[in-house]
PDB file of N, CA and C in Angstrom:
ATOM      1  N   MET A   1       8.020  29.841 -65.761  1.00  0.00           N
ATOM      2  CA  MET A   1       6.626  30.097 -65.961  1.00  0.00           C
ATOM      3  C   MET A   1       5.834  28.812 -66.150  1.00  0.00           C
ATOM      4  N   ASP A   2       4.664  28.823 -65.659  1.00  0.00           N
ATOM      5  CA  ASP A   2       3.803  27.602 -65.782  1.00  0.00           C
ATOM      6  C   ASP A   2       2.921  27.715 -67.024  1.00  0.00           C
ATOM      7  N   PHE A   3       3.131  26.874 -68.067  1.00  0.00           N
ATOM      8  CA  PHE A   3       2.266  26.886 -69.280  1.00  0.00           C
ATOM      9  C   PHE A   3       1.378  25.651 -69.256  1.00  0.00           C
ATOM     10  N   SER A   4       0.891  25.182 -68.149  1.00  0.00           N
ATOM     11  CA  SER A   4       0.043  24.056 -68.092  1.00  0.00           C
ATOM     12  C   SER A   4      -1.315  24.263 -68.685  1.00  0.00           C
ATOM     13  N   PHE A   5      -1.672  25.499 -68.791  1.00  0.00           N
ATOM     14  CA  PHE A   5      -2.992  25.784 -69.402  1.00  0.00           C
ATOM     15  C   PHE A   5      -3.049  25.379 -70.867  1.00  0.00           C
ATOM     16  N   LEU A   6      -1.858  25.373 -71.478  1.00  0.00           N
ATOM     17  CA  LEU A   6      -1.763  25.057 -72.887  1.00  0.00           C
ATOM     18  C   LEU A   6      -2.037  23.543 -73.255  1.00  0.00           C
ATOM     19  N   GLY A   7      -1.935  22.725 -72.162  1.00  0.00           N
ATOM     20  CA  GLY A   7      -2.097  21.308 -72.373  1.00  0.00           C
ATOM     21  C   GLY A   7      -0.891  20.709 -73.100  1.00  0.00           C
ATOM     22  N   SER A   8      -1.154  20.004 -74.142  1.00  0.00           N
ATOM     23  CA  SER A   8      -0.073  19.284 -74.934  1.00  0.00           C
ATOM     24  C   SER A   8       0.254  20.158 -76.090  1.00  0.00           C
ATOM     25  N   PHE A   9       0.589  21.400 -75.855  1.00  0.00           N
ATOM     26  CA  PHE A   9       0.925  22.338 -76.969  1.00  0.00           C
ATOM     27  C   PHE A   9       2.326  21.879 -77.554  1.00  0.00           C
ATOM     28  N   ASP A  10       2.360  21.807 -78.833  1.00  0.00           N
ATOM     29  CA  ASP A  10       3.580  21.367 -79.545  1.00  0.00           C
ATOM     30  C   ASP A  10       4.031  22.572 -80.339  1.00  0.00           C
ATOM     31  N   ILE A  11       5.313  22.839 -80.390  1.00  0.00           N
ATOM     32  CA  ILE A  11       5.835  23.947 -81.200  1.00  0.00           C
ATOM     33  C   ILE A  11       5.531  23.738 -82.700  1.00  0.00           C
ATOM     34  N   GLY A  12       5.299  22.498 -83.118  1.00  0.00           N
ATOM     35  CA  GLY A  12       5.014  22.216 -84.519  1.00  0.00           C
ATOM     36  C   GLY A  12       3.700  22.923 -84.986  1.00  0.00           C
ATOM     37  N   PHE A  13       2.712  22.984 -84.120  1.00  0.00           N
ATOM     38  CA  PHE A  13       1.496  23.633 -84.457  1.00  0.00           C
ATOM     39  C   PHE A  13       1.668  25.115 -84.710  1.00  0.00           C
ATOM     40  N   PHE A  14       2.535  25.746 -83.943  1.00  0.00           N
ATOM     41  CA  PHE A  14       2.875  27.078 -84.139  1.00  0.00           C
ATOM     42  C   PHE A  14       3.641  27.290 -85.510  1.00  0.00           C
ATOM     43  N   ALA A  15       4.624  26.412 -85.788  1.00  0.00           N
ATOM     44  CA  ALA A  15       5.335  26.623 -86.966  1.00  0.00           C
ATOM     45  C   ALA A  15       4.480  26.408 -88.310  1.00  0.00           C
ATOM     46  N   ILE A  16       3.541  25.421 -88.173  1.00  0.00           N
ATOM     47  CA  ILE A  16       2.659  25.151 -89.290  1.00  0.00           C
ATOM     48  C   ILE A  16       1.704  26.375 -89.460  1.00  0.00           C
ATOM     49  N   GLY A  17       1.157  26.837 -88.379  1.00  0.00           N
ATOM     50  CA  GLY A  17       0.300  28.061 -88.483  1.00  0.00           C
ATOM     51  C   GLY A  17       1.026  29.172 -89.018  1.00  0.00           C
ATOM     52  N   LEU A  18       2.278  29.496 -88.656  1.00  0.00           N
ATOM     53  CA  LEU A  18       3.038  30.528 -89.224  1.00  0.00           C
ATOM     54  C   LEU A  18       3.208  30.413 -90.704  1.00  0.00           C
ATOM     55  N   ALA A  19       3.557  29.134 -91.149  1.00  0.00           N
ATOM     56  CA  ALA A  19       3.762  28.896 -92.583  1.00  0.00           C
ATOM     57  C   ALA A  19       2.393  29.089 -93.342  1.00  0.00           C
ATOM     58  N   MET A  20       1.305  28.743 -92.751  1.00  0.00           N
ATOM     59  CA  MET A  20      -0.008  28.925 -93.436  1.00  0.00           C
ATOM     60  C   MET A  20      -0.313  30.378 -93.606  1.00  0.00           C
ATOM     61  N   ILE A  21       0.051  31.147 -92.543  1.00  0.00           N
ATOM     62  CA  ILE A  21      -0.182  32.604 -92.657  1.00  0.00           C
ATOM     63  C   ILE A  21       0.652  33.243 -93.729  1.00  0.00           C
ATOM     64  N   ILE A  22       1.833  32.840 -93.844  1.00  0.00           N
ATOM     65  CA  ILE A  22       2.776  33.302 -94.917  1.00  0.00           C
ATOM     66  C   ILE A  22       2.175  32.879 -96.301  1.00  0.00           C
ATOM     67  N   PHE A  23       1.721  31.683 -96.357  1.00  0.00           N
ATOM     68  CA  PHE A  23       1.100  31.192 -97.621  1.00  0.00           C
ATOM     69  C   PHE A  23      -0.070  32.036 -98.018  1.00  0.00           C
ATOM     70  N   TYR A  24      -0.968  32.307 -97.127  1.00  0.00           N
ATOM     71  CA  TYR A  24      -2.134  33.096 -97.424  1.00  0.00           C
ATOM     72  C   TYR A  24      -1.823  34.585 -97.667  1.00  0.00           C
ATOM     73  N   LEU A  25      -0.822  35.106 -96.930  1.00  0.00           N
ATOM     74  CA  LEU A  25      -0.372  36.459 -97.349  1.00  0.00           C
ATOM     75  C   LEU A  25       0.221  36.494 -98.739  1.00  0.00           C
ATOM     76  N   ARG A  26       0.907  35.511 -99.170  1.00  0.00           N
ATOM     77  CA  ARG A  26       1.429  35.465-100.572  1.00  0.00           C
ATOM     78  C   ARG A  26       0.301  35.298-101.580  1.00  0.00           C
ATOM     79  N   LEU A  27      -0.758  34.589-101.272  1.00  0.00           N
ATOM     80  CA  LEU A  27      -1.882  34.569-102.218  1.00  0.00           C
ATOM     81  C   LEU A  27      -2.634  35.903-102.286  1.00  0.00           C
ATOM     82  N   ALA A  28      -2.687  36.593-101.112  1.00  0.00           N
ATOM     83  CA  ALA A  28      -3.319  37.877-101.104  1.00  0.00           C
ATOM     84  C   ALA A  28      -2.501  38.889-101.883  1.00  0.00           C
ATOM     85  N   GLN A  29      -1.158  38.851-101.804  1.00  0.00           N
ATOM     86  CA  GLN A  29      -0.331  39.703-102.616  1.00  0.00           C
ATOM     87  C   GLN A  29      -0.483  39.465-104.040  1.00  0.00           C
ATOM     88  N   ILE A  30      -0.579  38.189-104.444  1.00  0.00           N
ATOM     89  CA  ILE A  30      -0.719  37.904-105.858  1.00  0.00           C
ATOM     90  C   ILE A  30      -2.047  38.479-106.351  1.00  0.00           C
ATOM     91  N   ARG A  31      -3.153  38.212-105.624  1.00  0.00           N
ATOM     92  CA  ARG A  31      -4.469  38.645-105.974  1.00  0.00           C
ATOM     93  C   ARG A  31      -4.488  40.178-106.038  1.00  0.00           C
ATOM     94  N   GLY A  32      -3.893  40.929-105.088  1.00  0.00           N
ATOM     95  CA  GLY A  32      -3.831  42.370-105.131  1.00  0.00           C
ATOM     96  C   GLY A  32      -3.105  42.833-106.368  1.00  0.00           C
ATOM     97  N   ARG A  33      -2.011  42.213-106.730  1.00  0.00           N
ATOM     98  CA  ARG A  33      -1.274  42.623-107.886  1.00  0.00           C
ATOM     99  C   ARG A  33      -2.081  42.468-109.177  1.00  0.00           C
ATOM    100  N   LYS A  34      -2.784  41.283-109.253  1.00  0.00           N
ATOM    101  CA  LYS A  34      -3.663  41.104-110.498  1.00  0.00           C
ATOM    102  C   LYS A  34      -4.750  42.128-110.528  1.00  0.00           C
ATOM    103  N   ARG A  35      -5.402  42.502-109.368  1.00  0.00           N
ATOM    104  CA  ARG A  35      -6.402  43.441-109.365  1.00  0.00           C
ATOM    105  C   ARG A  35      -5.886  44.815-109.849  1.00  0.00           C
ATOM    106  N   LYS A  36      -4.731  45.188-109.279  1.00  0.00           N
ATOM    107  CA  LYS A  36      -4.128  46.334-109.633  1.00  0.00           C
ATOM    108  C   LYS A  36      -3.871  46.552-111.141  1.00  0.00           C
ATOM    109  N   LEU A  37      -3.280  45.414-111.660  1.00  0.00           N
ATOM    110  CA  LEU A  37      -3.112  45.418-113.156  1.00  0.00           C
ATOM    111  C   LEU A  37      -4.396  45.500-113.958  1.00  0.00           C
ATOM    112  N   ALA A  38      -5.420  44.813-113.487  1.00  0.00           N
ATOM    113  CA  ALA A  38      -6.686  44.764-114.213  1.00  0.00           C
ATOM    114  C   ALA A  38      -7.436  46.057-114.132  1.00  0.00           C
ATOM    115  N   SER A  39      -7.265  46.847-112.976  1.00  0.00           N
ATOM    116  CA  SER A  39      -8.003  48.051-112.896  1.00  0.00           C
ATOM    117  C   SER A  39      -7.274  49.338-113.257  1.00  0.00           C
ATOM    118  N   GLY A  40      -6.027  49.126-113.623  1.00  0.00           N
ATOM    119  CA  GLY A  40      -5.156  50.266-113.914  1.00  0.00           C
ATOM    120  C   GLY A  40      -5.610  50.987-115.196  1.00  0.00           C
ATOM    121  N   ARG A  41      -5.535  52.313-115.098  1.00  0.00           N
ATOM    122  CA  ARG A  41      -5.948  53.097-116.232  1.00  0.00           C
ATOM    123  C   ARG A  41      -4.739  53.344-117.109  1.00  0.00           C
ATOM    124  N   SER A  42      -4.866  52.946-118.339  1.00  0.00           N
ATOM    125  CA  SER A  42      -3.734  53.149-119.225  1.00  0.00           C
ATOM    126  C   SER A  42      -4.106  54.023-120.391  1.00  0.00           C
ATOM    127  N   ARG A  43      -3.144  54.621-120.992  1.00  0.00           N
ATOM    128  CA  ARG A  43      -3.364  55.643-122.048  1.00  0.00           C
ATOM    129  C   ARG A  43      -3.244  55.056-123.418  1.00  0.00           C
ATOM    130  N   THR A  44      -2.403  54.097-123.590  1.00  0.00           N
ATOM    131  CA  THR A  44      -2.218  53.565-124.938  1.00  0.00           C
ATOM    132  C   THR A  44      -3.151  52.393-125.129  1.00  0.00           C
ATOM    133  N   ARG A  45      -3.467  52.123-126.508  1.00  0.00           N
ATOM    134  CA  ARG A  45      -4.289  51.046-126.794  1.00  0.00           C
ATOM    135  C   ARG A  45      -3.702  49.632-126.405  1.00  0.00           C
ATOM    136  N   GLY A  46      -2.401  49.468-126.516  1.00  0.00           N
ATOM    137  CA  GLY A  46      -1.780  48.199-126.159  1.00  0.00           C
ATOM    138  C   GLY A  46      -1.892  47.890-124.693  1.00  0.00           C
ATOM    139  N   GLN A  47      -1.742  48.938-123.929  1.00  0.00           N
ATOM    140  CA  GLN A  47      -1.785  48.712-122.439  1.00  0.00           C
ATOM    141  C   GLN A  47      -3.243  48.457-122.016  1.00  0.00           C
ATOM    142  N   LYS A  48      -4.238  48.958-122.648  1.00  0.00           N
ATOM    143  CA  LYS A  48      -5.586  48.730-122.379  1.00  0.00           C
ATOM    144  C   LYS A  48      -5.894  47.257-122.804  1.00  0.00           C
ATOM    145  N   ALA A  49      -5.360  46.789-123.869  1.00  0.00           N
ATOM    146  CA  ALA A  49      -5.619  45.383-124.219  1.00  0.00           C
ATOM    147  C   ALA A  49      -4.939  44.454-123.237  1.00  0.00           C
ATOM    148  N   ALA A  50      -3.772  44.796-122.776  1.00  0.00           N
ATOM    149  CA  ALA A  50      -3.122  43.975-121.791  1.00  0.00           C
ATOM    150  C   ALA A  50      -3.932  43.923-120.530  1.00  0.00           C
ATOM    151  N   ALA A  51      -4.415  45.073-120.070  1.00  0.00           N
ATOM    152  CA  ALA A  51      -5.194  45.160-118.855  1.00  0.00           C
ATOM    153  C   ALA A  51      -6.438  44.332-118.954  1.00  0.00           C
ATOM    154  N   GLU A  52      -7.103  44.375-120.176  1.00  0.00           N
ATOM    155  CA  GLU A  52      -8.351  43.598-120.443  1.00  0.00           C
ATOM    156  C   GLU A  52      -8.022  42.053-120.389  1.00  0.00           C
ATOM    157  N   ALA A  53      -6.821  41.660-120.954  1.00  0.00           N
ATOM    158  CA  ALA A  53      -6.496  40.250-120.902  1.00  0.00           C
ATOM    159  C   ALA A  53      -6.220  39.871-119.456  1.00  0.00           C
ATOM    160  N   VAL A  54      -5.635  40.627-118.655  1.00  0.00           N
ATOM    161  CA  VAL A  54      -5.339  40.285-117.289  1.00  0.00           C
ATOM    162  C   VAL A  54      -6.679  40.215-116.487  1.00  0.00           C
ATOM    163  N   LYS A  55      -7.675  40.997-116.848  1.00  0.00           N
ATOM    164  CA  LYS A  55      -8.962  40.959-116.185  1.00  0.00           C
ATOM    165  C   LYS A  55      -9.773  39.674-116.353  1.00  0.00           C
ATOM    166  N   ASN A  56      -9.522  39.043-117.498  1.00  0.00           N
ATOM    167  CA  ASN A  56     -10.204  37.866-117.833  1.00  0.00           C
ATOM    168  C   ASN A  56      -9.499  36.595-117.413  1.00  0.00           C
ATOM    169  N   GLN A  57      -8.306  36.688-116.771  1.00  0.00           N
ATOM    170  CA  GLN A  57      -7.595  35.588-116.285  1.00  0.00           C
ATOM    171  C   GLN A  57      -7.974  35.179-114.899  1.00  0.00           C
ATOM    172  N   PRO A  58      -7.765  33.975-114.436  1.00  0.00           N
ATOM    173  CA  PRO A  58      -8.059  33.601-113.065  1.00  0.00           C
ATOM    174  C   PRO A  58      -7.023  34.363-112.146  1.00  0.00           C
ATOM    175  N   ALA A  59      -7.381  34.413-110.871  1.00  0.00           N
ATOM    176  CA  ALA A  59      -6.587  35.211-109.901  1.00  0.00           C
ATOM    177  C   ALA A  59      -5.212  34.553-109.582  1.00  0.00           C
ATOM    178  N   TYR A  60      -5.146  33.249-109.727  1.00  0.00           N
ATOM    179  CA  TYR A  60      -3.901  32.489-109.489  1.00  0.00           C
ATOM    180  C   TYR A  60      -3.561  31.552-110.663  1.00  0.00           C
ATOM    181  N   GLN A  61      -2.309  31.486-110.961  1.00  0.00           N
ATOM    182  CA  GLN A  61      -1.863  30.497-111.929  1.00  0.00           C
ATOM    183  C   GLN A  61      -0.879  29.545-111.327  1.00  0.00           C
ATOM    184  N   VAL A  62      -0.973  28.361-111.671  1.00  0.00           N
ATOM    185  CA  VAL A  62       0.015  27.299-111.148  1.00  0.00           C
ATOM    186  C   VAL A  62       1.337  27.418-111.978  1.00  0.00           C
ATOM    187  N   THR A  63       2.386  27.571-111.337  1.00  0.00           N
ATOM    188  CA  THR A  63       3.663  27.646-112.074  1.00  0.00           C
ATOM    189  C   THR A  63       4.242  26.253-112.372  1.00  0.00           C
ATOM    190  N   SER A  64       4.011  25.354-111.416  1.00  0.00           N
ATOM    191  CA  SER A  64       4.568  23.976-111.560  1.00  0.00           C
ATOM    192  C   SER A  64       3.696  22.940-110.954  1.00  0.00           C
ATOM    193  N   TRP A  65       3.146  22.147-111.681  1.00  0.00           N
ATOM    194  CA  TRP A  65       2.267  21.114-111.010  1.00  0.00           C
ATOM    195  C   TRP A  65       3.118  20.010-110.332  1.00  0.00           C
ATOM    196  N   TRP A  66       4.395  19.921-110.688  1.00  0.00           N
ATOM    197  CA  TRP A  66       5.250  19.019-109.890  1.00  0.00           C
ATOM    198  C   TRP A  66       5.427  19.514-108.501  1.00  0.00           C
ATOM    199  N   LEU A  67       5.515  20.866-108.344  1.00  0.00           N
ATOM    200  CA  LEU A  67       5.690  21.414-107.026  1.00  0.00           C
ATOM    201  C   LEU A  67       4.368  21.281-106.183  1.00  0.00           C
ATOM    202  N   VAL A  68       3.239  21.386-106.853  1.00  0.00           N
ATOM    203  CA  VAL A  68       1.927  21.088-106.144  1.00  0.00           C
ATOM    204  C   VAL A  68       1.876  19.722-105.695  1.00  0.00           C
ATOM    205  N   VAL A  69       2.333  18.781-106.455  1.00  0.00           N
ATOM    206  CA  VAL A  69       2.296  17.335-106.098  1.00  0.00           C
ATOM    207  C   VAL A  69       3.279  17.103-104.886  1.00  0.00           C
ATOM    208  N   LEU A  70       4.372  17.675-104.995  1.00  0.00           N
ATOM    209  CA  LEU A  70       5.493  17.530-103.972  1.00  0.00           C
ATOM    210  C   LEU A  70       4.996  18.168-102.663  1.00  0.00           C
ATOM    211  N   GLY A  71       4.387  19.305-102.759  1.00  0.00           N
ATOM    212  CA  GLY A  71       3.905  19.935-101.563  1.00  0.00           C
ATOM    213  C   GLY A  71       2.806  19.058-100.800  1.00  0.00           C
ATOM    214  N   GLY A  72       1.942  18.648-101.722  1.00  0.00           N
ATOM    215  CA  GLY A  72       0.778  17.829-101.176  1.00  0.00           C
ATOM    216  C   GLY A  72       1.361  16.497-100.471  1.00  0.00           C
ATOM    217  N   VAL A  73       2.269  15.942-101.157  1.00  0.00           N
ATOM    218  CA  VAL A  73       2.867  14.646-100.597  1.00  0.00           C
ATOM    219  C   VAL A  73       3.641  14.917 -99.346  1.00  0.00           C
ATOM    220  N   LEU A  74       4.334  15.985 -99.319  1.00  0.00           N
ATOM    221  CA  LEU A  74       5.063  16.343 -98.037  1.00  0.00           C
ATOM    222  C   LEU A  74       4.072  16.596 -96.846  1.00  0.00           C
ATOM    223  N   MET A  75       2.962  17.358 -97.139  1.00  0.00           N
ATOM    224  CA  MET A  75       2.047  17.536 -96.109  1.00  0.00           C
ATOM    225  C   MET A  75       1.371  16.293 -95.650  1.00  0.00           C
ATOM    226  N   LEU A  76       1.003  15.422 -96.578  1.00  0.00           N
ATOM    227  CA  LEU A  76       0.399  14.160 -96.216  1.00  0.00           C
ATOM    228  C   LEU A  76       1.332  13.281 -95.435  1.00  0.00           C
ATOM    229  N   CYS A  77       2.659  13.297 -95.796  1.00  0.00           N
ATOM    230  CA  CYS A  77       3.611  12.510 -95.042  1.00  0.00           C
ATOM    231  C   CYS A  77       3.831  13.016 -93.622  1.00  0.00           C
ATOM    232  N   GLY A  78       3.818  14.345 -93.502  1.00  0.00           N
ATOM    233  CA  GLY A  78       3.858  14.985 -92.131  1.00  0.00           C
ATOM    234  C   GLY A  78       2.762  14.604 -91.224  1.00  0.00           C
ATOM    235  N   VAL A  79       1.499  14.576 -91.818  1.00  0.00           N
ATOM    236  CA  VAL A  79       0.389  14.183 -91.097  1.00  0.00           C
ATOM    237  C   VAL A  79       0.382  12.696 -90.718  1.00  0.00           C
ATOM    238  N   ALA A  80       0.833  11.900 -91.683  1.00  0.00           N
ATOM    239  CA  ALA A  80       0.974  10.432 -91.330  1.00  0.00           C
ATOM    240  C   ALA A  80       2.047  10.263 -90.311  1.00  0.00           C
ATOM    241  N   LEU A  81       3.127  10.992 -90.375  1.00  0.00           N
ATOM    242  CA  LEU A  81       4.217  10.791 -89.392  1.00  0.00           C
ATOM    243  C   LEU A  81       3.672  11.142 -87.951  1.00  0.00           C
ATOM    244  N   ARG A  82       2.770  12.171 -87.902  1.00  0.00           N
ATOM    245  CA  ARG A  82       2.242  12.497 -86.542  1.00  0.00           C
ATOM    246  C   ARG A  82       1.201  11.505 -86.083  1.00  0.00           C
ATOM    247  N   THR A  83       0.401  10.976 -87.034  1.00  0.00           N
ATOM    248  CA  THR A  83      -0.673  10.140 -86.732  1.00  0.00           C
ATOM    249  C   THR A  83      -0.448   8.689 -86.496  1.00  0.00           C
ATOM    250  N   TYR A  84       0.352   8.115 -87.405  1.00  0.00           N
ATOM    251  CA  TYR A  84       0.472   6.710 -87.391  1.00  0.00           C
ATOM    252  C   TYR A  84       1.702   6.183 -86.589  1.00  0.00           C
ATOM    253  N   ASP A  85       1.702   5.018 -86.122  1.00  0.00           N
ATOM    254  CA  ASP A  85       2.807   4.513 -85.318  1.00  0.00           C
ATOM    255  C   ASP A  85       3.744   3.576 -86.107  1.00  0.00           C
ATOM    256  N   TRP A  86       3.522   3.474 -87.422  1.00  0.00           N
ATOM    257  CA  TRP A  86       4.447   2.554 -88.222  1.00  0.00           C
ATOM    258  C   TRP A  86       5.635   3.236 -88.684  1.00  0.00           C
ATOM    259  N   PHE A  87       5.809   4.507 -88.433  1.00  0.00           N
ATOM    260  CA  PHE A  87       7.075   5.186 -88.647  1.00  0.00           C
ATOM    261  C   PHE A  87       8.034   4.896 -87.401  1.00  0.00           C
ATOM    262  N   PRO A  88       9.361   4.935 -87.658  1.00  0.00           N
ATOM    263  CA  PRO A  88      10.260   4.825 -86.396  1.00  0.00           C
ATOM    264  C   PRO A  88      10.015   5.876 -85.456  1.00  0.00           C
ATOM    265  N   SER A  89      10.019   5.524 -84.130  1.00  0.00           N
ATOM    266  CA  SER A  89       9.674   6.524 -83.146  1.00  0.00           C
ATOM    267  C   SER A  89      10.672   7.730 -83.031  1.00  0.00           C
ATOM    268  N   GLN A  90      11.847   7.633 -83.555  1.00  0.00           N
ATOM    269  CA  GLN A  90      12.779   8.692 -83.452  1.00  0.00           C
ATOM    270  C   GLN A  90      12.455   9.860 -84.411  1.00  0.00           C
ATOM    271  N   TYR A  91      11.555   9.562 -85.339  1.00  0.00           N
ATOM    272  CA  TYR A  91      11.130  10.626 -86.315  1.00  0.00           C
ATOM    273  C   TYR A  91       9.750  11.277 -85.929  1.00  0.00           C
ATOM    274  N   HIS A  92       9.135  10.756 -85.005  1.00  0.00           N
ATOM    275  CA  HIS A  92       7.788  11.289 -84.644  1.00  0.00           C
ATOM    276  C   HIS A  92       7.821  12.774 -84.280  1.00  0.00           C
ATOM    277  N   SER A  93       8.892  13.170 -83.576  1.00  0.00           N
ATOM    278  CA  SER A  93       8.906  14.575 -83.123  1.00  0.00           C
ATOM    279  C   SER A  93       9.244  15.563 -84.225  1.00  0.00           C
ATOM    280  N   TYR A  94       9.578  15.072 -85.427  1.00  0.00           N
ATOM    281  CA  TYR A  94       9.895  15.938 -86.572  1.00  0.00           C
ATOM    282  C   TYR A  94       8.727  16.053 -87.578  1.00  0.00           C
ATOM    283  N   TRP A  95       7.550  15.604 -87.223  1.00  0.00           N
ATOM    284  CA  TRP A  95       6.462  15.628 -88.126  1.00  0.00           C
ATOM    285  C   TRP A  95       6.122  17.032 -88.719  1.00  0.00           C
ATOM    286  N   TRP A  96       6.312  18.056 -87.857  1.00  0.00           N
ATOM    287  CA  TRP A  96       5.974  19.391 -88.203  1.00  0.00           C
ATOM    288  C   TRP A  96       6.881  19.964 -89.273  1.00  0.00           C
ATOM    289  N   MET A  97       8.149  19.454 -89.293  1.00  0.00           N
ATOM    290  CA  MET A  97       9.100  20.047 -90.258  1.00  0.00           C
ATOM    291  C   MET A  97       8.635  19.576 -91.706  1.00  0.00           C
ATOM    292  N   VAL A  98       8.235  18.298 -91.832  1.00  0.00           N
ATOM    293  CA  VAL A  98       7.835  17.798 -93.114  1.00  0.00           C
ATOM    294  C   VAL A  98       6.549  18.556 -93.576  1.00  0.00           C
ATOM    295  N   THR A  99       5.566  18.715 -92.648  1.00  0.00           N
ATOM    296  CA  THR A  99       4.373  19.404 -93.036  1.00  0.00           C
ATOM    297  C   THR A  99       4.633  20.905 -93.390  1.00  0.00           C
ATOM    298  N   THR A 100       5.445  21.565 -92.653  1.00  0.00           N
ATOM    299  CA  THR A 100       5.807  22.967 -92.909  1.00  0.00           C
ATOM    300  C   THR A 100       6.526  23.121 -94.185  1.00  0.00           C
ATOM    301  N   ALA A 101       7.392  22.125 -94.514  1.00  0.00           N
ATOM    302  CA  ALA A 101       8.102  22.117 -95.860  1.00  0.00           C
ATOM    303  C   ALA A 101       7.090  22.081 -96.991  1.00  0.00           C
ATOM    304  N   GLY A 102       6.113  21.223 -96.798  1.00  0.00           N
ATOM    305  CA  GLY A 102       5.071  21.093 -97.830  1.00  0.00           C
ATOM    306  C   GLY A 102       4.281  22.334 -98.023  1.00  0.00           C
ATOM    307  N   VAL A 103       3.951  23.114 -96.976  1.00  0.00           N
ATOM    308  CA  VAL A 103       3.285  24.342 -97.052  1.00  0.00           C
ATOM    309  C   VAL A 103       4.159  25.386 -97.752  1.00  0.00           C
ATOM    310  N   LEU A 104       5.451  25.363 -97.383  1.00  0.00           N
ATOM    311  CA  LEU A 104       6.370  26.362 -97.965  1.00  0.00           C
ATOM    312  C   LEU A 104       6.617  26.085 -99.422  1.00  0.00           C
ATOM    313  N   VAL A 105       6.594  24.808 -99.848  1.00  0.00           N
ATOM    314  CA  VAL A 105       6.685  24.477-101.242  1.00  0.00           C
ATOM    315  C   VAL A 105       5.495  25.034-102.052  1.00  0.00           C
ATOM    316  N   PHE A 106       4.335  25.012-101.382  1.00  0.00           N
ATOM    317  CA  PHE A 106       3.120  25.529-102.037  1.00  0.00           C
ATOM    318  C   PHE A 106       3.265  26.978-102.321  1.00  0.00           C
ATOM    319  N   ILE A 107       4.060  27.733-101.550  1.00  0.00           N
ATOM    320  CA  ILE A 107       4.204  29.180-101.830  1.00  0.00           C
ATOM    321  C   ILE A 107       4.738  29.399-103.220  1.00  0.00           C
ATOM    322  N   PHE A 108       5.686  28.557-103.603  1.00  0.00           N
ATOM    323  CA  PHE A 108       6.308  28.704-104.900  1.00  0.00           C
ATOM    324  C   PHE A 108       5.524  28.140-106.075  1.00  0.00           C
ATOM    325  N   CYS A 109       4.292  27.578-105.878  1.00  0.00           N
ATOM    326  CA  CYS A 109       3.557  26.893-106.832  1.00  0.00           C
ATOM    327  C   CYS A 109       2.655  27.859-107.586  1.00  0.00           C
ATOM    328  N   PHE A 110       2.447  29.100-107.077  1.00  0.00           N
ATOM    329  CA  PHE A 110       1.434  29.949-107.676  1.00  0.00           C
ATOM    330  C   PHE A 110       2.115  31.287-108.034  1.00  0.00           C
ATOM    331  N   LYS A 111       1.494  31.830-109.093  1.00  0.00           N
ATOM    332  CA  LYS A 111       1.933  33.209-109.579  1.00  0.00           C
ATOM    333  C   LYS A 111       0.802  34.035-109.943  1.00  0.00           C
TER     334      LYS A 111
END
């Protein structure tokens, strides 16, 4: 098949896009769970207080700031590997693995 209409399509863009979709689906899952807990009707006084406490919290909480930093550094290294020529040329084709790893680390940073 002729895929010349794609131009310089790189499989790395697809991998990073898929990782970003997984990341945003995870954030949507967390947000939906928090909304469900906040709007849940409870019968006991303790459960109502817990639901009220959940309602006043932010939608996302960071589990580990070290993972946030690691994910950011990995994504920046992947972009630098793709963009700059001062890396060895044998590693240029693996730029997307480093960037995707950074995005996947971000999945575990939030609860």
